[in-house]
N, C-alpha and C. Protein backbone atom coordinates (compact mmCIF):
# COMPACT_ATOMS: atom_id res chain seq x y z
N MET A 1 -9.47 -12.73 18.69
CA MET A 1 -9.61 -11.38 18.19
C MET A 1 -10.58 -10.59 19.06
N THR A 2 -10.30 -9.34 19.19
CA THR A 2 -11.19 -8.49 19.96
C THR A 2 -12.32 -7.98 19.08
N ASP A 3 -13.32 -7.41 19.70
CA ASP A 3 -14.43 -6.83 18.95
C ASP A 3 -13.98 -5.62 18.13
N HIS A 4 -12.85 -5.04 18.50
CA HIS A 4 -12.37 -3.83 17.83
C HIS A 4 -11.25 -4.12 16.84
N TRP A 5 -11.02 -5.37 16.53
CA TRP A 5 -9.96 -5.74 15.62
C TRP A 5 -10.24 -5.18 14.24
N ASN A 6 -9.23 -4.62 13.61
CA ASN A 6 -9.37 -4.18 12.22
C ASN A 6 -8.05 -4.37 11.51
N PHE A 7 -8.15 -4.66 10.24
CA PHE A 7 -7.00 -4.99 9.40
C PHE A 7 -5.97 -3.86 9.41
N HIS A 8 -6.42 -2.65 9.26
CA HIS A 8 -5.50 -1.51 9.13
C HIS A 8 -4.59 -1.40 10.36
N ASN A 9 -5.17 -1.43 11.54
CA ASN A 9 -4.38 -1.23 12.76
C ASN A 9 -3.60 -2.46 13.20
N TYR A 10 -4.15 -3.64 12.99
CA TYR A 10 -3.52 -4.84 13.51
C TYR A 10 -2.67 -5.59 12.49
N VAL A 11 -2.80 -5.26 11.22
CA VAL A 11 -2.00 -5.93 10.19
C VAL A 11 -1.23 -4.90 9.35
N ALA A 12 -1.94 -3.98 8.72
CA ALA A 12 -1.31 -3.08 7.76
C ALA A 12 -0.23 -2.19 8.38
N ILE A 13 -0.52 -1.59 9.50
CA ILE A 13 0.47 -0.69 10.12
C ILE A 13 1.70 -1.46 10.61
N PRO A 14 1.53 -2.56 11.35
CA PRO A 14 2.74 -3.31 11.75
C PRO A 14 3.52 -3.85 10.55
N LEU A 15 2.82 -4.29 9.51
CA LEU A 15 3.50 -4.80 8.33
C LEU A 15 4.24 -3.68 7.60
N GLU A 16 3.65 -2.50 7.56
CA GLU A 16 4.34 -1.35 6.97
C GLU A 16 5.68 -1.13 7.65
N LYS A 17 5.71 -1.23 8.97
CA LYS A 17 6.96 -1.05 9.72
C LYS A 17 7.98 -2.14 9.38
N LEU A 18 7.50 -3.36 9.19
CA LEU A 18 8.39 -4.47 8.86
C LEU A 18 9.00 -4.32 7.46
N THR A 19 8.28 -3.67 6.57
CA THR A 19 8.79 -3.50 5.20
C THR A 19 9.72 -2.29 5.08
N SER A 20 10.06 -1.69 6.18
CA SER A 20 10.89 -0.48 6.18
C SER A 20 10.24 0.60 5.33
N LYS A 21 8.93 0.62 5.37
CA LYS A 21 8.11 1.62 4.67
C LYS A 21 8.18 1.51 3.16
N ASP A 22 8.62 0.34 2.64
CA ASP A 22 8.57 0.11 1.20
C ASP A 22 7.11 0.05 0.73
N TYR A 23 6.24 -0.39 1.63
CA TYR A 23 4.80 -0.44 1.36
C TYR A 23 4.11 0.35 2.46
N SER A 24 3.20 1.22 2.06
CA SER A 24 2.44 1.96 3.07
C SER A 24 1.31 1.09 3.58
N ALA A 25 0.79 1.43 4.74
CA ALA A 25 -0.35 0.70 5.30
C ALA A 25 -1.53 0.75 4.34
N ASP A 26 -1.72 1.89 3.69
CA ASP A 26 -2.82 2.01 2.73
C ASP A 26 -2.61 1.09 1.53
N GLU A 27 -1.38 1.00 1.02
CA GLU A 27 -1.09 0.09 -0.09
C GLU A 27 -1.33 -1.36 0.32
N ILE A 28 -0.91 -1.69 1.52
CA ILE A 28 -1.11 -3.05 2.04
C ILE A 28 -2.59 -3.37 2.12
N GLU A 29 -3.36 -2.40 2.56
CA GLU A 29 -4.80 -2.59 2.72
C GLU A 29 -5.53 -2.66 1.38
N THR A 30 -4.97 -2.05 0.36
CA THR A 30 -5.68 -1.98 -0.92
C THR A 30 -5.08 -2.87 -2.01
N GLY A 31 -4.40 -3.95 -1.58
CA GLY A 31 -3.98 -4.92 -2.57
C GLY A 31 -2.56 -5.42 -2.49
N ALA A 32 -1.72 -4.85 -1.64
CA ALA A 32 -0.33 -5.27 -1.58
C ALA A 32 0.00 -6.08 -0.33
N PHE A 33 -1.02 -6.69 0.27
CA PHE A 33 -0.84 -7.45 1.51
C PHE A 33 0.19 -8.57 1.34
N VAL A 34 -0.03 -9.47 0.39
CA VAL A 34 0.88 -10.60 0.19
C VAL A 34 2.24 -10.10 -0.29
N GLU A 35 2.24 -9.15 -1.21
CA GLU A 35 3.50 -8.63 -1.73
C GLU A 35 4.36 -8.03 -0.62
N ALA A 36 3.73 -7.34 0.31
CA ALA A 36 4.48 -6.74 1.42
C ALA A 36 5.11 -7.83 2.29
N MET A 37 4.35 -8.88 2.58
CA MET A 37 4.91 -9.98 3.38
C MET A 37 6.05 -10.66 2.63
N LEU A 38 5.86 -10.86 1.33
CA LEU A 38 6.91 -11.48 0.53
C LEU A 38 8.16 -10.62 0.49
N SER A 39 7.99 -9.30 0.49
CA SER A 39 9.15 -8.41 0.46
C SER A 39 9.96 -8.56 1.75
N VAL A 40 9.28 -8.76 2.87
CA VAL A 40 9.98 -8.97 4.14
C VAL A 40 10.77 -10.27 4.08
N LEU A 41 10.19 -11.27 3.43
CA LEU A 41 10.86 -12.57 3.29
C LEU A 41 11.82 -12.60 2.11
N SER A 42 11.92 -11.50 1.38
CA SER A 42 12.74 -11.41 0.17
C SER A 42 12.31 -12.44 -0.86
N ALA A 43 11.01 -12.59 -1.04
CA ALA A 43 10.45 -13.54 -1.99
C ALA A 43 9.78 -12.79 -3.13
N ASP A 44 9.96 -13.27 -4.34
CA ASP A 44 9.38 -12.67 -5.53
C ASP A 44 7.95 -13.16 -5.73
N ALA A 45 7.00 -12.25 -5.74
CA ALA A 45 5.59 -12.62 -5.87
C ALA A 45 5.30 -13.39 -7.15
N GLN A 46 6.05 -13.15 -8.21
CA GLN A 46 5.83 -13.85 -9.47
C GLN A 46 6.14 -15.34 -9.35
N ASN A 47 6.96 -15.69 -8.38
CA ASN A 47 7.33 -17.09 -8.19
C ASN A 47 6.53 -17.77 -7.09
N LEU A 48 5.43 -17.18 -6.68
CA LEU A 48 4.65 -17.74 -5.59
C LEU A 48 4.24 -19.19 -5.83
N PRO A 49 3.80 -19.57 -7.04
CA PRO A 49 3.46 -21.00 -7.26
C PRO A 49 4.67 -21.92 -7.03
N LEU A 50 5.85 -21.48 -7.48
CA LEU A 50 7.05 -22.27 -7.27
C LEU A 50 7.37 -22.38 -5.78
N TYR A 51 7.26 -21.26 -5.05
CA TYR A 51 7.52 -21.29 -3.61
C TYR A 51 6.53 -22.21 -2.92
N ALA A 52 5.27 -22.14 -3.31
CA ALA A 52 4.24 -22.98 -2.69
C ALA A 52 4.58 -24.45 -2.87
N THR A 53 4.97 -24.81 -4.08
CA THR A 53 5.35 -26.20 -4.36
C THR A 53 6.58 -26.58 -3.55
N PHE A 54 7.57 -25.70 -3.54
CA PHE A 54 8.81 -25.95 -2.81
C PHE A 54 8.54 -26.14 -1.32
N PHE A 55 7.81 -25.21 -0.71
CA PHE A 55 7.57 -25.29 0.72
C PHE A 55 6.67 -26.47 1.09
N SER A 56 5.75 -26.80 0.22
CA SER A 56 4.90 -27.96 0.46
C SER A 56 5.74 -29.23 0.50
N LYS A 57 6.65 -29.35 -0.46
CA LYS A 57 7.53 -30.52 -0.51
C LYS A 57 8.47 -30.52 0.69
N CYS A 58 8.98 -29.34 1.06
CA CYS A 58 9.83 -29.24 2.26
C CYS A 58 9.08 -29.74 3.48
N ASN A 59 7.83 -29.36 3.57
CA ASN A 59 7.01 -29.76 4.71
C ASN A 59 6.89 -31.28 4.80
N THR A 60 6.76 -31.95 3.66
CA THR A 60 6.62 -33.41 3.67
C THR A 60 7.94 -34.11 3.96
N LEU A 61 9.06 -33.45 3.69
CA LEU A 61 10.36 -34.08 3.87
C LEU A 61 11.09 -33.62 5.13
N LEU A 62 10.57 -32.63 5.80
CA LEU A 62 11.22 -32.06 6.98
C LEU A 62 11.54 -33.14 8.01
N GLY A 63 12.79 -33.18 8.43
CA GLY A 63 13.23 -34.10 9.47
C GLY A 63 13.50 -35.53 9.00
N LYS A 64 13.31 -35.80 7.71
CA LYS A 64 13.55 -37.14 7.19
C LYS A 64 15.02 -37.34 6.87
N LYS A 65 15.48 -38.56 7.09
CA LYS A 65 16.84 -38.93 6.72
C LYS A 65 16.91 -39.17 5.23
N LYS A 66 18.11 -39.12 4.68
CA LYS A 66 18.28 -39.37 3.25
C LYS A 66 17.69 -40.72 2.88
N SER A 67 17.83 -41.70 3.73
CA SER A 67 17.31 -43.04 3.43
C SER A 67 15.79 -43.07 3.34
N GLU A 68 15.13 -42.03 3.84
CA GLU A 68 13.67 -41.94 3.81
C GLU A 68 13.16 -41.08 2.64
N ILE A 69 14.09 -40.51 1.88
CA ILE A 69 13.72 -39.62 0.78
C ILE A 69 14.13 -40.27 -0.54
N PRO A 70 13.19 -40.52 -1.42
CA PRO A 70 13.55 -41.07 -2.73
C PRO A 70 14.48 -40.10 -3.47
N ASP A 71 15.44 -40.67 -4.20
CA ASP A 71 16.40 -39.85 -4.94
C ASP A 71 15.71 -38.84 -5.85
N GLU A 72 14.65 -39.28 -6.53
CA GLU A 72 13.93 -38.39 -7.45
C GLU A 72 13.35 -37.19 -6.70
N ASP A 73 12.83 -37.43 -5.50
CA ASP A 73 12.26 -36.33 -4.71
C ASP A 73 13.34 -35.36 -4.27
N ALA A 74 14.47 -35.90 -3.85
CA ALA A 74 15.59 -35.04 -3.42
C ALA A 74 16.08 -34.20 -4.59
N ALA A 75 16.24 -34.82 -5.74
CA ALA A 75 16.73 -34.10 -6.92
C ALA A 75 15.73 -33.03 -7.35
N ALA A 76 14.44 -33.36 -7.36
CA ALA A 76 13.41 -32.40 -7.76
C ALA A 76 13.35 -31.22 -6.79
N LEU A 77 13.44 -31.51 -5.51
CA LEU A 77 13.39 -30.43 -4.52
C LEU A 77 14.60 -29.52 -4.65
N PHE A 78 15.78 -30.10 -4.87
CA PHE A 78 16.97 -29.28 -5.01
C PHE A 78 16.92 -28.45 -6.29
N GLU A 79 16.38 -29.00 -7.36
CA GLU A 79 16.22 -28.23 -8.60
C GLU A 79 15.26 -27.05 -8.38
N ALA A 80 14.17 -27.29 -7.65
CA ALA A 80 13.23 -26.20 -7.35
C ALA A 80 13.92 -25.13 -6.52
N PHE A 81 14.73 -25.55 -5.57
CA PHE A 81 15.49 -24.62 -4.74
C PHE A 81 16.43 -23.78 -5.60
N LYS A 82 17.14 -24.41 -6.52
CA LYS A 82 18.06 -23.68 -7.39
C LYS A 82 17.33 -22.68 -8.27
N LEU A 83 16.13 -23.03 -8.74
CA LEU A 83 15.34 -22.09 -9.53
C LEU A 83 14.96 -20.86 -8.71
N ILE A 84 14.63 -21.09 -7.45
CA ILE A 84 14.22 -19.99 -6.58
C ILE A 84 15.38 -19.03 -6.36
N ILE A 85 16.57 -19.56 -6.14
CA ILE A 85 17.70 -18.67 -5.81
C ILE A 85 18.47 -18.22 -7.04
N GLU A 86 18.13 -18.74 -8.20
CA GLU A 86 18.85 -18.42 -9.43
C GLU A 86 19.02 -16.93 -9.66
N LYS A 87 18.03 -16.16 -9.34
CA LYS A 87 18.08 -14.71 -9.59
C LYS A 87 18.89 -13.94 -8.57
N ARG A 88 19.21 -14.60 -7.48
CA ARG A 88 20.02 -13.92 -6.46
C ARG A 88 21.48 -13.93 -6.88
N LYS A 89 22.08 -12.78 -6.86
CA LYS A 89 23.48 -12.66 -7.28
C LYS A 89 24.46 -13.14 -6.22
N ASP A 90 23.99 -13.16 -4.95
CA ASP A 90 24.90 -13.47 -3.86
C ASP A 90 24.99 -14.96 -3.55
N VAL A 91 24.26 -15.80 -4.29
CA VAL A 91 24.29 -17.24 -4.06
C VAL A 91 24.78 -17.93 -5.32
N MET A 92 25.83 -18.68 -5.20
CA MET A 92 26.38 -19.41 -6.34
C MET A 92 26.36 -20.90 -6.02
N LEU A 93 25.84 -21.68 -6.95
CA LEU A 93 25.84 -23.13 -6.80
C LEU A 93 26.70 -23.75 -7.88
């Protein structure tokens, strides 16, 4: 980081552009930082604990073969995945 680094110019403004201006730089700076990033990822902030659990488990299983993943873990991870996408109308399982 440079001596002149500041959140507004180096985070809020670029993030505002990524959100297609759904969030202003000022909103991002005054409390909508995570929400703005989640909107770019199309993630619901209310489900953040579920996403955290899901991604943490994904991280531990990434690159593993089925033979290396206990059935219970695979089933639990897939159930968590289905809960995450349940609200999306364009995905049917």
